[in-house]
PDB file of N, CA and C in Angstrom:
ATOM      1  N   MET A   1     126.904 109.688  90.725  1.00  0.00           N
ATOM      2  CA  MET A   1     127.512 110.770  89.991  1.00  0.00           C
ATOM      3  C   MET A   1     128.821 111.151  90.694  1.00  0.00           C
ATOM      4  N   THR A   2     129.829 111.391  89.928  1.00  0.00           N
ATOM      5  CA  THR A   2     131.140 111.723  90.493  1.00  0.00           C
ATOM      6  C   THR A   2     131.183 113.188  90.939  1.00  0.00           C
ATOM      7  N   THR A   3     132.141 113.488  91.772  1.00  0.00           N
ATOM      8  CA  THR A   3     132.336 114.866  92.234  1.00  0.00           C
ATOM      9  C   THR A   3     132.607 115.785  91.056  1.00  0.00           C
ATOM     10  N   THR A   4     133.402 115.318  90.123  1.00  0.00           N
ATOM     11  CA  THR A   4     133.730 116.124  88.945  1.00  0.00           C
ATOM     12  C   THR A   4     132.485 116.421  88.119  1.00  0.00           C
ATOM     13  N   ALA A   5     131.638 115.424  87.946  1.00  0.00           N
ATOM     14  CA  ALA A   5     130.403 115.615  87.175  1.00  0.00           C
ATOM     15  C   ALA A   5     129.469 116.598  87.879  1.00  0.00           C
ATOM     16  N   ILE A   6     129.348 116.464  89.190  1.00  0.00           N
ATOM     17  CA  ILE A   6     128.496 117.383  89.953  1.00  0.00           C
ATOM     18  C   ILE A   6     129.043 118.798  89.858  1.00  0.00           C
ATOM     19  N   ARG A   7     130.348 118.934  90.054  1.00  0.00           N
ATOM     20  CA  ARG A   7     130.979 120.257  89.986  1.00  0.00           C
ATOM     21  C   ARG A   7     130.734 120.896  88.623  1.00  0.00           C
ATOM     22  N   SER A   8     130.865 120.123  87.575  1.00  0.00           N
ATOM     23  CA  SER A   8     130.660 120.630  86.219  1.00  0.00           C
ATOM     24  C   SER A   8     129.221 121.107  86.025  1.00  0.00           C
ATOM     25  N   LYS A   9     128.264 120.310  86.498  1.00  0.00           N
ATOM     26  CA  LYS A   9     126.851 120.680  86.363  1.00  0.00           C
ATOM     27  C   LYS A   9     126.529 121.927  87.181  1.00  0.00           C
ATOM     28  N   VAL A  10     127.080 122.016  88.375  1.00  0.00           N
ATOM     29  CA  VAL A  10     126.834 123.189  89.223  1.00  0.00           C
ATOM     30  C   VAL A  10     127.425 124.436  88.573  1.00  0.00           C
ATOM     31  N   HIS A  11     128.640 124.328  88.058  1.00  0.00           N
ATOM     32  CA  HIS A  11     129.266 125.477  87.384  1.00  0.00           C
ATOM     33  C   HIS A  11     128.416 125.941  86.204  1.00  0.00           C
ATOM     34  N   LYS A  12     127.938 125.002  85.425  1.00  0.00           N
ATOM     35  CA  LYS A  12     127.112 125.356  84.261  1.00  0.00           C
ATOM     36  C   LYS A  12     125.837 126.048  84.709  1.00  0.00           C
ATOM     37  N   TYR A  13     125.212 125.502  85.746  1.00  0.00           N
ATOM     38  CA  TYR A  13     123.968 126.096  86.232  1.00  0.00           C
ATOM     39  C   TYR A  13     124.222 127.499  86.783  1.00  0.00           C
ATOM     40  N   ILE A  14     125.280 127.666  87.558  1.00  0.00           N
ATOM     41  CA  ILE A  14     125.613 128.966  88.141  1.00  0.00           C
ATOM     42  C   ILE A  14     125.895 129.993  87.045  1.00  0.00           C
ATOM     43  N   ASP A  15     126.596 129.572  86.007  1.00  0.00           N
ATOM     44  CA  ASP A  15     126.913 130.480  84.911  1.00  0.00           C
ATOM     45  C   ASP A  15     125.654 131.011  84.225  1.00  0.00           C
ATOM     46  N   GLU A  16     124.568 130.229  84.272  1.00  0.00           N
ATOM     47  CA  GLU A  16     123.332 130.613  83.585  1.00  0.00           C
ATOM     48  C   GLU A  16     122.254 131.154  84.529  1.00  0.00           C
ATOM     49  N   ALA A  17     122.502 131.143  85.837  1.00  0.00           N
ATOM     50  CA  ALA A  17     121.490 131.507  86.824  1.00  0.00           C
ATOM     51  C   ALA A  17     121.267 133.014  86.897  1.00  0.00           C
ATOM     52  N   ASP A  18     120.032 133.366  87.310  1.00  0.00           N
ATOM     53  CA  ASP A  18     119.758 134.789  87.521  1.00  0.00           C
ATOM     54  C   ASP A  18     120.183 135.196  88.931  1.00  0.00           C
ATOM     55  N   ILE A  19     120.072 136.471  89.243  1.00  0.00           N
ATOM     56  CA  ILE A  19     120.579 137.005  90.505  1.00  0.00           C
ATOM     57  C   ILE A  19     119.892 136.388  91.722  1.00  0.00           C
ATOM     58  N   LYS A  20     118.604 136.087  91.628  1.00  0.00           N
ATOM     59  CA  LYS A  20     117.890 135.508  92.770  1.00  0.00           C
ATOM     60  C   LYS A  20     118.451 134.134  93.129  1.00  0.00           C
ATOM     61  N   VAL A  21     118.698 133.326  92.129  1.00  0.00           N
ATOM     62  CA  VAL A  21     119.266 131.992  92.366  1.00  0.00           C
ATOM     63  C   VAL A  21     120.672 132.124  92.943  1.00  0.00           C
ATOM     64  N   LEU A  22     121.449 133.045  92.396  1.00  0.00           N
ATOM     65  CA  LEU A  22     122.809 133.245  92.896  1.00  0.00           C
ATOM     66  C   LEU A  22     122.811 133.679  94.354  1.00  0.00           C
ATOM     67  N   GLU A  23     121.881 134.549  94.735  1.00  0.00           N
ATOM     68  CA  GLU A  23     121.796 134.988  96.125  1.00  0.00           C
ATOM     69  C   GLU A  23     121.446 133.822  97.055  1.00  0.00           C
ATOM     70  N   VAL A  24     120.516 132.981  96.639  1.00  0.00           N
ATOM     71  CA  VAL A  24     120.121 131.832  97.452  1.00  0.00           C
ATOM     72  C   VAL A  24     121.290 130.859  97.603  1.00  0.00           C
ATOM     73  N   VAL A  25     121.967 130.569  96.521  1.00  0.00           N
ATOM     74  CA  VAL A  25     123.112 129.657  96.561  1.00  0.00           C
ATOM     75  C   VAL A  25     124.200 130.245  97.457  1.00  0.00           C
ATOM     76  N   TYR A  26     124.456 131.525  97.312  1.00  0.00           N
ATOM     77  CA  TYR A  26     125.470 132.181  98.139  1.00  0.00           C
ATOM     78  C   TYR A  26     125.117 132.078  99.623  1.00  0.00           C
ATOM     79  N   GLN A  27     123.875 132.349  99.964  1.00  0.00           N
ATOM     80  CA  GLN A  27     123.453 132.276 101.367  1.00  0.00           C
ATOM     81  C   GLN A  27     123.580 130.854 101.906  1.00  0.00           C
ATOM     82  N   LEU A  28     123.206 129.886 101.111  1.00  0.00           N
ATOM     83  CA  LEU A  28     123.327 128.484 101.512  1.00  0.00           C
ATOM     84  C   LEU A  28     124.785 128.119 101.769  1.00  0.00           C
ATOM     85  N   LEU A  29     125.663 128.537 100.881  1.00  0.00           N
ATOM     86  CA  LEU A  29     127.090 128.265 101.052  1.00  0.00           C
ATOM     87  C   LEU A  29     127.658 128.960 102.276  1.00  0.00           C
ATOM     88  N   GLU A  30     127.194 130.164 102.562  1.00  0.00           N
ATOM     89  CA  GLU A  30     127.652 130.878 103.751  1.00  0.00           C
ATOM     90  C   GLU A  30     127.238 130.141 105.029  1.00  0.00           C
ATOM     91  N   VAL A  31     126.008 129.666 105.075  1.00  0.00           N
ATOM     92  CA  VAL A  31     125.548 128.908 106.246  1.00  0.00           C
ATOM     93  C   VAL A  31     126.393 127.656 106.402  1.00  0.00           C
ATOM     94  N   TYR A  32     126.640 126.969 105.313  1.00  0.00           N
ATOM     95  CA  TYR A  32     127.456 125.756 105.351  1.00  0.00           C
ATOM     96  C   TYR A  32     128.874 126.071 105.832  1.00  0.00           C
ATOM     97  N   ARG A  33     129.461 127.111 105.290  1.00  0.00           N
ATOM     98  CA  ARG A  33     130.821 127.494 105.661  1.00  0.00           C
ATOM     99  C   ARG A  33     130.908 127.869 107.139  1.00  0.00           C
ATOM    100  N   GLN A  34     129.935 128.598 107.622  1.00  0.00           N
ATOM    101  CA  GLN A  34     129.947 129.039 109.011  1.00  0.00           C
ATOM    102  C   GLN A  34     129.757 127.877 109.984  1.00  0.00           C
ATOM    103  N   SER A  35     129.078 126.841 109.537  1.00  0.00           N
ATOM    104  CA  SER A  35     128.871 125.689 110.419  1.00  0.00           C
ATOM    105  C   SER A  35     130.095 124.779 110.433  1.00  0.00           C
ATOM    106  N   ASN A  36     131.070 125.076 109.599  1.00  0.00           N
ATOM    107  CA  ASN A  36     132.355 124.374 109.525  1.00  0.00           C
ATOM    108  C   ASN A  36     132.335 123.041 108.809  1.00  0.00           C
ATOM    109  N   SER A  37     131.216 122.393 108.647  1.00  0.00           N
ATOM    110  CA  SER A  37     131.256 121.161 107.872  1.00  0.00           C
ATOM    111  C   SER A  37     129.871 120.687 107.486  1.00  0.00           C
ATOM    112  N   SER A  38     128.961 120.692 108.400  1.00  0.00           N
ATOM    113  CA  SER A  38     127.672 120.094 108.117  1.00  0.00           C
ATOM    114  C   SER A  38     126.573 120.812 108.882  1.00  0.00           C
ATOM    115  N   LEU A  39     125.380 120.717 108.366  1.00  0.00           N
ATOM    116  CA  LEU A  39     124.229 121.269 109.062  1.00  0.00           C
ATOM    117  C   LEU A  39     123.724 120.302 110.131  1.00  0.00           C
ATOM    118  N   LEU A  40     124.281 119.096 110.158  1.00  0.00           N
ATOM    119  CA  LEU A  40     123.912 118.099 111.156  1.00  0.00           C
ATOM    120  C   LEU A  40     124.977 118.028 112.241  1.00  0.00           C
ATOM    121  N   THR A  41     124.533 117.710 113.447  1.00  0.00           N
ATOM    122  CA  THR A  41     125.494 117.496 114.522  1.00  0.00           C
ATOM    123  C   THR A  41     126.190 116.157 114.306  1.00  0.00           C
ATOM    124  N   ASN A  42     127.284 115.929 115.010  1.00  0.00           N
ATOM    125  CA  ASN A  42     127.986 114.645 114.911  1.00  0.00           C
ATOM    126  C   ASN A  42     127.066 113.492 115.310  1.00  0.00           C
ATOM    127  N   GLU A  43     126.267 113.723 116.341  1.00  0.00           N
ATOM    128  CA  GLU A  43     125.343 112.689 116.807  1.00  0.00           C
ATOM    129  C   GLU A  43     124.300 112.365 115.728  1.00  0.00           C
ATOM    130  N   GLN A  44     123.784 113.374 115.054  1.00  0.00           N
ATOM    131  CA  GLN A  44     122.816 113.162 113.979  1.00  0.00           C
ATOM    132  C   GLN A  44     123.462 112.420 112.809  1.00  0.00           C
ATOM    133  N   GLN A  45     124.703 112.772 112.475  1.00  0.00           N
ATOM    134  CA  GLN A  45     125.409 112.079 111.394  1.00  0.00           C
ATOM    135  C   GLN A  45     125.599 110.604 111.727  1.00  0.00           C
ATOM    136  N   LYS A  46     125.987 110.307 112.967  1.00  0.00           N
ATOM    137  CA  LYS A  46     126.166 108.914 113.400  1.00  0.00           C
ATOM    138  C   LYS A  46     124.861 108.141 113.294  1.00  0.00           C
ATOM    139  N   GLU A  47     123.767 108.772 113.712  1.00  0.00           N
ATOM    140  CA  GLU A  47     122.459 108.108 113.662  1.00  0.00           C
ATOM    141  C   GLU A  47     122.050 107.812 112.221  1.00  0.00           C
ATOM    142  N   ILE A  48     122.286 108.737 111.323  1.00  0.00           N
ATOM    143  CA  ILE A  48     121.960 108.520 109.910  1.00  0.00           C
ATOM    144  C   ILE A  48     122.783 107.366 109.344  1.00  0.00           C
ATOM    145  N   LEU A  49     124.070 107.341 109.645  1.00  0.00           N
ATOM    146  CA  LEU A  49     124.927 106.251 109.163  1.00  0.00           C
ATOM    147  C   LEU A  49     124.485 104.901 109.726  1.00  0.00           C
ATOM    148  N   LYS A  50     124.114 104.889 111.005  1.00  0.00           N
ATOM    149  CA  LYS A  50     123.652 103.653 111.641  1.00  0.00           C
ATOM    150  C   LYS A  50     122.373 103.158 110.975  1.00  0.00           C
ATOM    151  N   ARG A  51     121.410 104.059 110.788  1.00  0.00           N
ATOM    152  CA  ARG A  51     120.136 103.664 110.166  1.00  0.00           C
ATOM    153  C   ARG A  51     120.329 103.246 108.714  1.00  0.00           C
ATOM    154  N   SER A  52     121.218 103.919 108.011  1.00  0.00           N
ATOM    155  CA  SER A  52     121.498 103.565 106.625  1.00  0.00           C
ATOM    156  C   SER A  52     122.061 102.148 106.522  1.00  0.00           C
ATOM    157  N   ALA A  53     122.986 101.812 107.423  1.00  0.00           N
ATOM    158  CA  ALA A  53     123.571 100.472 107.430  1.00  0.00           C
ATOM    159  C   ALA A  53     122.508  99.422 107.738  1.00  0.00           C
ATOM    160  N   LEU A  54     121.640  99.697 108.700  1.00  0.00           N
ATOM    161  CA  LEU A  54     120.566  98.764 109.043  1.00  0.00           C
ATOM    162  C   LEU A  54     119.603  98.579 107.871  1.00  0.00           C
ATOM    163  N   TYR A  55     119.280  99.680 107.174  1.00  0.00           N
ATOM    164  CA  TYR A  55     118.390  99.606 106.019  1.00  0.00           C
ATOM    165  C   TYR A  55     119.017  98.774 104.900  1.00  0.00           C
ATOM    166  N   LYS A  56     120.288  99.038 104.616  1.00  0.00           N
ATOM    167  CA  LYS A  56     120.980  98.295 103.556  1.00  0.00           C
ATOM    168  C   LYS A  56     121.106  96.817 103.886  1.00  0.00           C
ATOM    169  N   ALA A  57     121.188  96.496 105.179  1.00  0.00           N
ATOM    170  CA  ALA A  57     121.290  95.099 105.615  1.00  0.00           C
ATOM    171  C   ALA A  57     119.923  94.423 105.666  1.00  0.00           C
ATOM    172  N   GLY A  58     118.857  95.189 105.391  1.00  0.00           N
ATOM    173  CA  GLY A  58     117.510  94.624 105.404  1.00  0.00           C
ATOM    174  C   GLY A  58     116.941  94.428 106.804  1.00  0.00           C
ATOM    175  N   LYS A  59     117.533  95.088 107.789  1.00  0.00           N
ATOM    176  CA  LYS A  59     117.085  94.912 109.172  1.00  0.00           C
ATOM    177  C   LYS A  59     116.008  95.906 109.579  1.00  0.00           C
ATOM    178  N   ILE A  60     115.853  96.990 108.821  1.00  0.00           N
ATOM    179  CA  ILE A  60     114.765  97.926 109.073  1.00  0.00           C
ATOM    180  C   ILE A  60     114.119  98.295 107.746  1.00  0.00           C
ATOM    181  N   LYS A  61     112.866  98.732 107.809  1.00  0.00           N
ATOM    182  CA  LYS A  61     112.127  99.090 106.615  1.00  0.00           C
ATOM    183  C   LYS A  61     111.975 100.600 106.536  1.00  0.00           C
ATOM    184  N   GLY A  62     112.026 101.131 105.353  1.00  0.00           N
ATOM    185  CA  GLY A  62     111.776 102.550 105.144  1.00  0.00           C
ATOM    186  C   GLY A  62     110.363 102.751 104.627  1.00  0.00           C
ATOM    187  N   TYR A  63     109.868 103.963 104.721  1.00  0.00           N
ATOM    188  CA  TYR A  63     108.529 104.285 104.259  1.00  0.00           C
ATOM    189  C   TYR A  63     108.588 105.463 103.302  1.00  0.00           C
ATOM    190  N   SER A  64     107.723 105.435 102.303  1.00  0.00           N
ATOM    191  CA  SER A  64     107.602 106.596 101.423  1.00  0.00           C
ATOM    192  C   SER A  64     106.898 107.692 102.213  1.00  0.00           C
ATOM    193  N   ILE A  65     106.938 108.908 101.711  1.00  0.00           N
ATOM    194  CA  ILE A  65     106.283 110.012 102.407  1.00  0.00           C
ATOM    195  C   ILE A  65     104.779 109.766 102.494  1.00  0.00           C
ATOM    196  N   THR A  66     104.206 109.161 101.465  1.00  0.00           N
ATOM    197  CA  THR A  66     102.775 108.847 101.472  1.00  0.00           C
ATOM    198  C   THR A  66     102.460 107.827 102.555  1.00  0.00           C
ATOM    199  N   GLU A  67     103.292 106.786 102.644  1.00  0.00           N
ATOM    200  CA  GLU A  67     103.088 105.767 103.681  1.00  0.00           C
ATOM    201  C   GLU A  67     103.260 106.363 105.075  1.00  0.00           C
ATOM    202  N   ALA A  68     104.248 107.207 105.226  1.00  0.00           N
ATOM    203  CA  ALA A  68     104.503 107.819 106.535  1.00  0.00           C
ATOM    204  C   ALA A  68     103.330 108.697 106.960  1.00  0.00           C
ATOM    205  N   ARG A  69     102.805 109.483 106.054  1.00  0.00           N
ATOM    206  CA  ARG A  69     101.654 110.339 106.371  1.00  0.00           C
ATOM    207  C   ARG A  69     100.452 109.490 106.770  1.00  0.00           C
ATOM    208  N   LYS A  70     100.227 108.407 106.032  1.00  0.00           N
ATOM    209  CA  LYS A  70      99.108 107.519 106.337  1.00  0.00           C
ATOM    210  C   LYS A  70      99.262 106.926 107.735  1.00  0.00           C
ATOM    211  N   ARG A  71     100.460 106.493 108.067  1.00  0.00           N
ATOM    212  CA  ARG A  71     100.716 105.915 109.393  1.00  0.00           C
ATOM    213  C   ARG A  71     100.522 106.947 110.502  1.00  0.00           C
ATOM    214  N   VAL A  72     100.969 108.171 110.267  1.00  0.00           N
ATOM    215  CA  VAL A  72     100.802 109.231 111.265  1.00  0.00           C
ATOM    216  C   VAL A  72      99.328 109.528 111.472  1.00  0.00           C
ATOM    217  N   LYS A  73      98.571 109.644 110.374  1.00  0.00           N
ATOM    218  CA  LYS A  73      97.127 109.906 110.475  1.00  0.00           C
ATOM    219  C   LYS A  73      96.423 108.794 111.242  1.00  0.00           C
ATOM    220  N   GLN A  74      96.819 107.532 111.001  1.00  0.00           N
ATOM    221  CA  GLN A  74      96.223 106.414 111.700  1.00  0.00           C
ATOM    222  C   GLN A  74      96.520 106.498 113.194  1.00  0.00           C
ATOM    223  N   LYS A  75      97.738 106.840 113.549  1.00  0.00           N
ATOM    224  CA  LYS A  75      98.126 106.951 114.957  1.00  0.00           C
ATOM    225  C   LYS A  75      97.374 108.097 115.644  1.00  0.00           C
ATOM    226  N   LEU A  76      97.207 109.207 114.930  1.00  0.00           N
ATOM    227  CA  LEU A  76      96.524 110.360 115.516  1.00  0.00           C
ATOM    228  C   LEU A  76      95.028 110.120 115.703  1.00  0.00           C
ATOM    229  N   SER A  77      94.433 109.343 114.837  1.00  0.00           N
ATOM    230  CA  SER A  77      92.997 109.100 114.931  1.00  0.00           C
ATOM    231  C   SER A  77      92.668 107.964 115.900  1.00  0.00           C
ATOM    232  N   ALA A  78      93.655 107.231 116.355  1.00  0.00           N
ATOM    233  CA  ALA A  78      93.425 106.102 117.264  1.00  0.00           C
ATOM    234  C   ALA A  78      93.208 106.548 118.698  1.00  0.00           C
TER     235      ALA A  78
END
């Protein structure tokens, strides 16, 4: 989805939202603005980009949330 399409959808949603939704969106934007760019540190952003590249190259496997929970339960019960 393009930036323009996202912006259009967000504007439409905001125009129709009730006060509770507007307050939540406002608070989220304030946190984002105060952090200056991202909720992630530079190191976390680099790690995500690195893992994404490895995943796209087929060098690492991802797990669904169901698979991840199953693996965690297996590790904890061992």
